[in-house]
Amino acid sequence: MSTFYTSVDRNGPHILFRGYKNGKRIQEKVPYKPTFYLPSSEPTEFKTLDGRYMGPINPGNMKD
């Protein structure tokens, strides 16, 4: 069960993916919403490598 891509491109708020999965050619249009992490003064489940807390921010989609 191996999956690898032959082409990836951005189209508005989607990722266009072409590749192979288990030896068969596949093509997918995947919605994408980025998440950014900024320093937080309150404890969260996310930390930097040096132990500072980080909070998630969801700005919208790639097109925004």
Foldseek 3Di string as FASTA:
>chain_A
DDWDFDDWDDDQQWIWTWTDDPRHTDIDTGGDWDKDWDFDPDADPDADPVGTHIDIDTPDGPND
